[in-house]
Amino acid sequence: MSSMDIRDVLEYLPHRYPFLLIDRVITCDPGKKIVALKNVTINEPFFNGHFPRNPIMPGVLIIEALAQAAAILSFRTKNHKADDKSVYYFVGIDHARFKRPVLPGDTLMLEAELKRNARNMWIFDCIARVNDAVVTEAELMCTIRTVDDSRAGA
């Protein structure tokens, strides 16, 4: 199991500000489980509109943060870093539950555990926590695909 700082995270994810939602990886056990974190600050661009008087992190972005953690686990499992030739897609989201809001100042702990990997389909059990309280749970299905260069610029 190994930790990763932001420089390492940037090698495994193609996402950049404002869509990079992983600040650090606490532990990563390739083929098994990852625990990562996102420091949620009032400076996040989504808080300007969601909601100005009662800022709450959108649930879809919590799911996206979980997917980014799962992507790192997938790439680390395959011993592959992000590149221009591949893209990581959602295939499905099942059993998503939002238990409590995520607020500015929270540290979002993101866990993704690999359930299955077959024919480049990855299925994860994911949990997001704040102060050990579960805020979101979901089963995520993802795949890694080769980018079709013929569609570039279309």
N, C-alpha and C. Protein backbone atom coordinates (compact mmCIF):
# COMPACT_ATOMS: atom_id res chain seq x y z
N MET A 1 0.86 -1.18 0.00
CA MET A 1 0.00 0.00 0.00
C MET A 1 0.89 1.23 0.00
N SER A 2 0.49 2.20 -0.80
CA SER A 2 1.32 3.40 -0.89
C SER A 2 0.47 4.65 -0.94
N SER A 3 1.04 5.74 -0.46
CA SER A 3 0.36 7.03 -0.52
C SER A 3 0.84 7.77 -1.76
N MET A 4 0.11 8.81 -2.14
CA MET A 4 0.46 9.61 -3.31
C MET A 4 0.18 11.08 -2.98
N ASP A 5 1.13 11.95 -3.30
CA ASP A 5 0.87 13.37 -3.14
C ASP A 5 0.26 13.90 -4.44
N ILE A 6 -0.02 15.19 -4.50
CA ILE A 6 -0.72 15.76 -5.65
C ILE A 6 0.07 15.57 -6.95
N ARG A 7 1.39 15.61 -6.88
CA ARG A 7 2.19 15.40 -8.11
C ARG A 7 1.96 14.00 -8.66
N ASP A 8 1.88 13.01 -7.78
CA ASP A 8 1.61 11.64 -8.21
C ASP A 8 0.19 11.51 -8.76
N VAL A 9 -0.77 12.13 -8.09
CA VAL A 9 -2.16 12.09 -8.54
C VAL A 9 -2.26 12.61 -9.97
N LEU A 10 -1.58 13.71 -10.26
CA LEU A 10 -1.63 14.32 -11.60
C LEU A 10 -1.06 13.40 -12.68
N GLU A 11 -0.20 12.46 -12.29
CA GLU A 11 0.32 11.50 -13.27
C GLU A 11 -0.70 10.43 -13.62
N TYR A 12 -1.65 10.16 -12.72
CA TYR A 12 -2.61 9.09 -12.93
C TYR A 12 -3.99 9.58 -13.38
N LEU A 13 -4.26 10.87 -13.28
CA LEU A 13 -5.54 11.41 -13.72
C LEU A 13 -5.32 12.50 -14.76
N PRO A 14 -6.13 12.52 -15.81
CA PRO A 14 -6.01 13.61 -16.79
C PRO A 14 -6.73 14.89 -16.34
N HIS A 15 -7.52 14.81 -15.27
CA HIS A 15 -8.30 15.95 -14.80
C HIS A 15 -7.38 17.06 -14.28
N ARG A 16 -7.82 18.30 -14.45
CA ARG A 16 -7.12 19.47 -13.94
C ARG A 16 -8.15 20.43 -13.37
N TYR A 17 -7.67 21.46 -12.67
CA TYR A 17 -8.56 22.45 -12.08
C TYR A 17 -9.47 23.01 -13.16
N PRO A 18 -10.76 23.18 -12.90
CA PRO A 18 -11.45 23.02 -11.62
C PRO A 18 -12.07 21.64 -11.43
N PHE A 19 -11.72 20.67 -12.29
CA PHE A 19 -12.40 19.38 -12.22
C PHE A 19 -11.61 18.29 -11.53
N LEU A 20 -10.39 18.56 -11.11
CA LEU A 20 -9.62 17.59 -10.34
C LEU A 20 -10.17 17.59 -8.91
N LEU A 21 -10.65 16.45 -8.45
CA LEU A 21 -11.33 16.38 -7.15
C LEU A 21 -10.61 15.46 -6.16
N ILE A 22 -9.35 15.17 -6.41
CA ILE A 22 -8.53 14.39 -5.49
C ILE A 22 -7.32 15.24 -5.12
N ASP A 23 -7.10 15.43 -3.83
CA ASP A 23 -5.94 16.18 -3.37
C ASP A 23 -4.77 15.28 -2.99
N ARG A 24 -5.11 14.08 -2.50
CA ARG A 24 -4.07 13.18 -2.01
C ARG A 24 -4.63 11.77 -1.91
N VAL A 25 -3.76 10.79 -2.07
CA VAL A 25 -4.13 9.39 -1.84
C VAL A 25 -3.47 8.98 -0.54
N ILE A 26 -4.28 8.50 0.39
CA ILE A 26 -3.78 8.05 1.69
C ILE A 26 -3.16 6.66 1.54
N THR A 27 -3.93 5.74 0.96
CA THR A 27 -3.43 4.39 0.70
C THR A 27 -3.98 3.90 -0.63
N CYS A 28 -3.18 3.12 -1.32
CA CYS A 28 -3.63 2.47 -2.55
C CYS A 28 -3.03 1.07 -2.58
N ASP A 29 -3.90 0.10 -2.57
CA ASP A 29 -3.51 -1.30 -2.65
C ASP A 29 -4.01 -1.80 -4.00
N PRO A 30 -3.16 -1.73 -5.06
CA PRO A 30 -3.60 -2.09 -6.42
C PRO A 30 -4.32 -3.44 -6.45
N GLY A 31 -5.42 -3.43 -7.21
CA GLY A 31 -6.25 -4.62 -7.32
C GLY A 31 -7.23 -4.80 -6.19
N LYS A 32 -7.16 -3.91 -5.18
CA LYS A 32 -8.03 -4.08 -4.01
C LYS A 32 -8.78 -2.81 -3.65
N LYS A 33 -8.07 -1.81 -3.09
CA LYS A 33 -8.77 -0.67 -2.49
C LYS A 33 -7.90 0.58 -2.51
N ILE A 34 -8.57 1.73 -2.56
CA ILE A 34 -7.90 3.02 -2.46
C ILE A 34 -8.65 3.88 -1.46
N VAL A 35 -7.91 4.70 -0.72
CA VAL A 35 -8.49 5.73 0.15
C VAL A 35 -7.82 7.03 -0.24
N ALA A 36 -8.62 7.99 -0.66
CA ALA A 36 -8.11 9.29 -1.10
C ALA A 36 -8.86 10.39 -0.36
N LEU A 37 -8.38 11.63 -0.50
CA LEU A 37 -9.10 12.72 0.15
C LEU A 37 -9.21 13.95 -0.76
N LYS A 38 -10.28 14.68 -0.48
CA LYS A 38 -10.55 15.96 -1.13
C LYS A 38 -10.84 16.95 -0.02
N ASN A 39 -10.02 18.01 0.06
CA ASN A 39 -10.29 19.09 1.00
C ASN A 39 -11.30 20.02 0.34
N VAL A 40 -12.45 20.17 0.94
CA VAL A 40 -13.53 20.98 0.38
C VAL A 40 -13.41 22.38 0.97
N THR A 41 -13.15 23.37 0.12
CA THR A 41 -12.99 24.74 0.59
C THR A 41 -14.08 25.64 0.04
N ILE A 42 -14.30 26.77 0.68
CA ILE A 42 -15.31 27.73 0.22
C ILE A 42 -14.93 28.31 -1.14
N ASN A 43 -13.67 28.17 -1.53
CA ASN A 43 -13.21 28.69 -2.82
C ASN A 43 -13.58 27.81 -4.00
N GLU A 44 -14.22 26.67 -3.77
CA GLU A 44 -14.62 25.80 -4.89
C GLU A 44 -15.58 26.57 -5.79
N PRO A 45 -15.38 26.50 -7.11
CA PRO A 45 -16.21 27.29 -8.02
C PRO A 45 -17.70 26.94 -7.97
N PHE A 46 -18.05 25.71 -7.63
CA PHE A 46 -19.46 25.32 -7.61
C PHE A 46 -20.24 25.95 -6.48
N PHE A 47 -19.56 26.41 -5.41
CA PHE A 47 -20.29 27.01 -4.30
C PHE A 47 -20.93 28.35 -4.66
N ASN A 48 -20.45 29.02 -5.71
CA ASN A 48 -21.06 30.29 -6.12
C ASN A 48 -22.53 30.10 -6.51
N GLY A 49 -22.87 28.92 -7.03
CA GLY A 49 -24.25 28.72 -7.45
C GLY A 49 -24.96 27.59 -6.73
N HIS A 50 -24.29 26.89 -5.81
CA HIS A 50 -24.89 25.71 -5.17
C HIS A 50 -24.62 25.69 -3.68
N PHE A 51 -25.13 26.36 -2.89
CA PHE A 51 -26.09 27.45 -3.03
C PHE A 51 -25.48 28.64 -2.32
N PRO A 52 -25.56 29.85 -2.86
CA PRO A 52 -24.82 30.98 -2.29
C PRO A 52 -25.06 31.21 -0.79
N ARG A 53 -26.29 31.03 -0.32
CA ARG A 53 -26.58 31.28 1.10
C ARG A 53 -26.41 30.04 1.96
N ASN A 54 -26.32 28.88 1.33
CA ASN A 54 -26.18 27.62 2.04
C ASN A 54 -25.32 26.68 1.20
N PRO A 55 -23.99 26.94 1.15
CA PRO A 55 -23.13 26.18 0.23
C PRO A 55 -23.07 24.69 0.57
N ILE A 56 -23.39 23.86 -0.44
CA ILE A 56 -23.38 22.41 -0.32
C ILE A 56 -22.67 21.84 -1.56
N MET A 57 -21.77 20.90 -1.37
CA MET A 57 -21.11 20.26 -2.51
C MET A 57 -22.14 19.42 -3.26
N PRO A 58 -22.27 19.62 -4.58
CA PRO A 58 -23.24 18.84 -5.35
C PRO A 58 -22.95 17.33 -5.27
N GLY A 59 -24.00 16.56 -5.13
CA GLY A 59 -23.86 15.11 -5.04
C GLY A 59 -23.17 14.51 -6.25
N VAL A 60 -23.44 15.06 -7.43
CA VAL A 60 -22.80 14.52 -8.63
C VAL A 60 -21.29 14.70 -8.57
N LEU A 61 -20.82 15.75 -7.89
CA LEU A 61 -19.38 15.96 -7.77
C LEU A 61 -18.76 15.03 -6.72
N ILE A 62 -19.54 14.65 -5.72
CA ILE A 62 -19.05 13.64 -4.77
C ILE A 62 -18.89 12.32 -5.52
N ILE A 63 -19.87 11.97 -6.35
CA ILE A 63 -19.77 10.75 -7.17
C ILE A 63 -18.57 10.86 -8.11
N GLU A 64 -18.36 12.01 -8.72
CA GLU A 64 -17.20 12.21 -9.60
C GLU A 64 -15.89 12.04 -8.83
N ALA A 65 -15.82 12.55 -7.61
CA ALA A 65 -14.61 12.39 -6.80
C ALA A 65 -14.36 10.91 -6.51
N LEU A 66 -15.43 10.17 -6.21
CA LEU A 66 -15.29 8.73 -6.00
C LEU A 66 -14.80 8.04 -7.28
N ALA A 67 -15.32 8.46 -8.43
CA ALA A 67 -14.90 7.88 -9.71
C ALA A 67 -13.43 8.19 -10.00
N GLN A 68 -12.98 9.39 -9.63
CA GLN A 68 -11.57 9.72 -9.83
C GLN A 68 -10.68 8.85 -8.95
N ALA A 69 -11.11 8.59 -7.73
CA ALA A 69 -10.35 7.68 -6.87
C ALA A 69 -10.33 6.29 -7.48
N ALA A 70 -11.48 5.84 -7.98
CA ALA A 70 -11.55 4.52 -8.63
C ALA A 70 -10.66 4.47 -9.87
N ALA A 71 -10.59 5.57 -10.60
CA ALA A 71 -9.72 5.62 -11.79
C ALA A 71 -8.26 5.43 -11.40
N ILE A 72 -7.84 6.10 -10.35
CA ILE A 72 -6.45 5.93 -9.89
C ILE A 72 -6.20 4.47 -9.53
N LEU A 73 -7.16 3.86 -8.82
CA LEU A 73 -7.01 2.44 -8.46
C LEU A 73 -6.92 1.58 -9.71
N SER A 74 -7.75 1.85 -10.71
CA SER A 74 -7.70 1.09 -11.97
C SER A 74 -6.35 1.23 -12.64
N PHE A 75 -5.89 2.48 -12.80
CA PHE A 75 -4.61 2.72 -13.47
C PHE A 75 -3.45 2.11 -12.68
N ARG A 76 -3.48 2.24 -11.37
CA ARG A 76 -2.42 1.63 -10.55
C ARG A 76 -2.45 0.10 -10.66
N THR A 77 -3.65 -0.48 -10.72
CA THR A 77 -3.80 -1.92 -10.86
C THR A 77 -3.21 -2.39 -12.19
N LYS A 78 -3.45 -1.61 -13.25
CA LYS A 78 -2.92 -1.96 -14.58
C LYS A 78 -1.47 -1.52 -14.76
N ASN A 79 -0.92 -0.82 -13.75
CA ASN A 79 0.42 -0.24 -13.85
C ASN A 79 0.53 0.65 -15.08
N HIS A 80 -0.44 1.56 -15.19
CA HIS A 80 -0.57 2.43 -16.37
C HIS A 80 -0.89 3.84 -15.89
N LYS A 81 -0.26 4.84 -16.46
CA LYS A 81 -0.55 6.23 -16.11
C LYS A 81 -1.46 6.85 -17.18
N ALA A 82 -2.13 7.93 -16.81
CA ALA A 82 -3.00 8.62 -17.75
C ALA A 82 -2.19 9.11 -18.94
N ASP A 83 -2.80 9.04 -20.13
CA ASP A 83 -2.13 9.51 -21.33
C ASP A 83 -3.17 9.99 -22.34
N ASP A 84 -2.71 10.45 -23.50
CA ASP A 84 -3.61 10.96 -24.54
C ASP A 84 -4.33 9.85 -25.29
N LYS A 85 -3.92 8.63 -25.08
CA LYS A 85 -4.45 7.51 -25.87
C LYS A 85 -5.61 6.78 -25.21
N SER A 86 -5.89 7.08 -23.94
CA SER A 86 -6.98 6.38 -23.27
C SER A 86 -7.81 7.35 -22.44
N VAL A 87 -9.05 6.95 -22.24
CA VAL A 87 -9.97 7.76 -21.44
C VAL A 87 -10.76 6.82 -20.54
N TYR A 88 -11.09 7.31 -19.36
CA TYR A 88 -11.79 6.54 -18.33
C TYR A 88 -13.24 7.02 -18.32
N TYR A 89 -14.18 6.12 -18.61
CA TYR A 89 -15.60 6.48 -18.71
C TYR A 89 -16.42 5.82 -17.61
N PHE A 90 -17.47 6.54 -17.17
CA PHE A 90 -18.53 5.92 -16.38
C PHE A 90 -19.32 5.01 -17.30
N VAL A 91 -19.71 3.85 -16.82
CA VAL A 91 -20.61 2.98 -17.55
C VAL A 91 -21.94 2.90 -16.80
N GLY A 92 -21.86 3.02 -15.47
CA GLY A 92 -23.09 2.98 -14.69
C GLY A 92 -22.85 3.37 -13.25
N ILE A 93 -23.93 3.80 -12.62
CA ILE A 93 -23.92 4.14 -11.20
C ILE A 93 -25.16 3.50 -10.61
N ASP A 94 -24.97 2.62 -9.64
CA ASP A 94 -26.10 1.95 -9.00
C ASP A 94 -26.06 2.20 -7.50
N HIS A 95 -27.24 2.16 -6.91
CA HIS A 95 -27.39 2.21 -5.45
C HIS A 95 -26.77 3.46 -4.83
N ALA A 96 -26.80 4.59 -5.55
CA ALA A 96 -26.25 5.84 -5.00
C ALA A 96 -27.19 6.36 -3.91
N ARG A 97 -26.58 6.68 -2.78
CA ARG A 97 -27.33 7.22 -1.65
C ARG A 97 -26.54 8.38 -1.07
N PHE A 98 -27.26 9.46 -0.77
CA PHE A 98 -26.66 10.65 -0.19
C PHE A 98 -27.23 10.80 1.21
N LYS A 99 -26.36 10.68 2.21
CA LYS A 99 -26.81 10.60 3.60
C LYS A 99 -26.78 11.93 4.33
N ARG A 100 -25.84 12.82 3.93
CA ARG A 100 -25.78 14.14 4.57
C ARG A 100 -24.98 15.07 3.66
N PRO A 101 -25.20 16.38 3.78
CA PRO A 101 -24.49 17.32 2.90
C PRO A 101 -23.00 17.43 3.23
N VAL A 102 -22.23 17.75 2.21
CA VAL A 102 -20.80 18.04 2.36
C VAL A 102 -20.65 19.56 2.25
N LEU A 103 -19.99 20.15 3.25
CA LEU A 103 -19.93 21.60 3.40
C LEU A 103 -18.50 22.12 3.27
N PRO A 104 -18.37 23.43 3.00
CA PRO A 104 -17.02 24.01 3.00
C PRO A 104 -16.32 23.74 4.33
N GLY A 105 -15.06 23.36 4.25
CA GLY A 105 -14.29 23.04 5.44
C GLY A 105 -14.21 21.55 5.72
N ASP A 106 -15.08 20.77 5.08
CA ASP A 106 -15.05 19.32 5.28
C ASP A 106 -13.87 18.69 4.56
N THR A 107 -13.38 17.61 5.10
CA THR A 107 -12.40 16.75 4.42
C THR A 107 -13.16 15.51 4.00
N LEU A 108 -13.27 15.34 2.69
CA LEU A 108 -14.01 14.22 2.12
C LEU A 108 -13.05 13.05 1.94
N MET A 109 -13.30 11.97 2.67
CA MET A 109 -12.51 10.75 2.55
C MET A 109 -13.22 9.85 1.55
N LEU A 110 -12.50 9.44 0.52
CA LEU A 110 -13.07 8.70 -0.60
C LEU A 110 -12.49 7.29 -0.63
N GLU A 111 -13.35 6.30 -0.59
CA GLU A 111 -12.91 4.91 -0.63
C GLU A 111 -13.54 4.21 -1.82
N ALA A 112 -12.72 3.50 -2.58
CA ALA A 112 -13.22 2.67 -3.67
C ALA A 112 -12.58 1.30 -3.52
N GLU A 113 -13.43 0.28 -3.46
CA GLU A 113 -12.96 -1.09 -3.35
C GLU A 113 -13.35 -1.84 -4.62
N LEU A 114 -12.38 -2.46 -5.26
CA LEU A 114 -12.63 -3.19 -6.50
C LEU A 114 -13.40 -4.46 -6.21
N LYS A 115 -14.59 -4.56 -6.83
CA LYS A 115 -15.41 -5.78 -6.70
C LYS A 115 -15.08 -6.76 -7.82
N ARG A 116 -15.03 -6.23 -9.06
CA ARG A 116 -14.77 -7.07 -10.22
C ARG A 116 -14.09 -6.28 -11.32
N ASN A 117 -13.28 -7.00 -12.09
CA ASN A 117 -12.68 -6.45 -13.30
C ASN A 117 -12.72 -7.56 -14.34
N ALA A 118 -13.56 -7.38 -15.35
CA ALA A 118 -13.67 -8.38 -16.41
C ALA A 118 -13.81 -7.66 -17.75
N ARG A 119 -13.01 -8.06 -18.69
CA ARG A 119 -13.04 -7.49 -20.04
C ARG A 119 -13.04 -5.96 -20.01
N ASN A 120 -12.16 -5.40 -19.23
CA ASN A 120 -11.97 -3.96 -19.11
C ASN A 120 -13.17 -3.23 -18.51
N MET A 121 -14.04 -3.95 -17.83
CA MET A 121 -15.14 -3.36 -17.07
C MET A 121 -14.76 -3.45 -15.60
N TRP A 122 -14.76 -2.31 -14.94
CA TRP A 122 -14.35 -2.22 -13.54
C TRP A 122 -15.58 -1.88 -12.71
N ILE A 123 -15.81 -2.64 -11.63
CA ILE A 123 -16.94 -2.38 -10.74
C ILE A 123 -16.40 -2.17 -9.34
N PHE A 124 -16.85 -1.07 -8.72
CA PHE A 124 -16.33 -0.67 -7.42
C PHE A 124 -17.46 -0.42 -6.43
N ASP A 125 -17.24 -0.80 -5.18
CA ASP A 125 -18.07 -0.34 -4.06
C ASP A 125 -17.39 0.91 -3.52
N CYS A 126 -18.13 2.01 -3.46
CA CYS A 126 -17.55 3.29 -3.07
C CYS A 126 -18.29 3.90 -1.89
N ILE A 127 -17.51 4.53 -1.03
CA ILE A 127 -18.07 5.23 0.13
C ILE A 127 -17.30 6.54 0.31
N ALA A 128 -18.04 7.63 0.54
CA ALA A 128 -17.43 8.91 0.90
C ALA A 128 -17.83 9.20 2.34
N ARG A 129 -16.84 9.66 3.12
CA ARG A 129 -17.08 9.96 4.54
C ARG A 129 -16.56 11.34 4.88
N VAL A 130 -17.16 11.93 5.88
CA VAL A 130 -16.66 13.14 6.53
C VAL A 130 -16.67 12.85 8.02
N ASN A 131 -15.51 12.97 8.66
CA ASN A 131 -15.40 12.67 10.11
C ASN A 131 -15.98 11.30 10.45
N ASP A 132 -15.65 10.30 9.67
CA ASP A 132 -16.09 8.93 9.87
C ASP A 132 -17.58 8.70 9.63
N ALA A 133 -18.35 9.73 9.31
CA ALA A 133 -19.77 9.57 9.00
C ALA A 133 -19.93 9.40 7.48
N VAL A 134 -20.68 8.38 7.09
CA VAL A 134 -20.91 8.15 5.66
C VAL A 134 -21.78 9.27 5.11
N VAL A 135 -21.32 9.89 4.02
CA VAL A 135 -22.10 10.94 3.36
C VAL A 135 -22.67 10.45 2.03
N THR A 136 -21.97 9.54 1.36
CA THR A 136 -22.42 9.01 0.07
C THR A 136 -21.93 7.57 -0.09
N GLU A 137 -22.80 6.75 -0.68
CA GLU A 137 -22.44 5.39 -1.05
C GLU A 137 -22.91 5.15 -2.47
N ALA A 138 -22.17 4.35 -3.23
CA ALA A 138 -22.58 4.01 -4.59
C ALA A 138 -21.76 2.85 -5.11
N GLU A 139 -22.32 2.14 -6.07
CA GLU A 139 -21.57 1.16 -6.84
C GLU A 139 -21.31 1.82 -8.19
N LEU A 140 -20.04 1.91 -8.57
CA LEU A 140 -19.66 2.56 -9.82
C LEU A 140 -19.13 1.51 -10.79
N MET A 141 -19.53 1.66 -12.04
CA MET A 141 -19.02 0.81 -13.12
C MET A 141 -18.32 1.72 -14.11
N CYS A 142 -17.08 1.37 -14.44
CA CYS A 142 -16.26 2.21 -15.31
C CYS A 142 -15.51 1.34 -16.31
N THR A 143 -15.02 1.98 -17.36
CA THR A 143 -14.21 1.29 -18.34
C THR A 143 -13.12 2.23 -18.84
N ILE A 144 -12.03 1.65 -19.30
CA ILE A 144 -10.95 2.41 -19.92
C ILE A 144 -10.99 2.09 -21.40
N ARG A 145 -11.10 3.13 -22.24
CA ARG A 145 -11.18 2.95 -23.69
C ARG A 145 -10.06 3.70 -24.37
N THR A 146 -9.67 3.20 -25.53
CA THR A 146 -8.69 3.87 -26.36
C THR A 146 -9.37 5.02 -27.08
N VAL A 147 -8.72 6.17 -27.13
CA VAL A 147 -9.28 7.35 -27.79
C VAL A 147 -9.21 7.15 -29.30
N ASP A 148 -10.31 7.45 -29.98
CA ASP A 148 -10.36 7.36 -31.44
C ASP A 148 -9.87 8.69 -32.02
N ASP A 149 -8.61 8.72 -32.49
CA ASP A 149 -8.03 9.95 -33.02
C ASP A 149 -8.77 10.48 -34.23
N SER A 150 -9.50 9.64 -34.95
CA SER A 150 -10.23 10.09 -36.15
C SER A 150 -11.37 11.03 -35.79
N ARG A 151 -11.82 11.01 -34.52
CA ARG A 151 -12.92 11.88 -34.09
C ARG A 151 -12.41 13.19 -33.54
N ALA A 152 -11.10 13.32 -33.36
CA ALA A 152 -10.53 14.56 -32.82
C ALA A 152 -10.86 15.72 -33.75
N GLY A 153 -11.25 16.81 -33.17
CA GLY A 153 -11.56 18.01 -33.93
C GLY A 153 -12.94 17.99 -34.56
N ALA A 154 -13.70 16.94 -34.33
CA ALA A 154 -15.05 16.85 -34.93
C ALA A 154 -16.01 17.72 -34.20
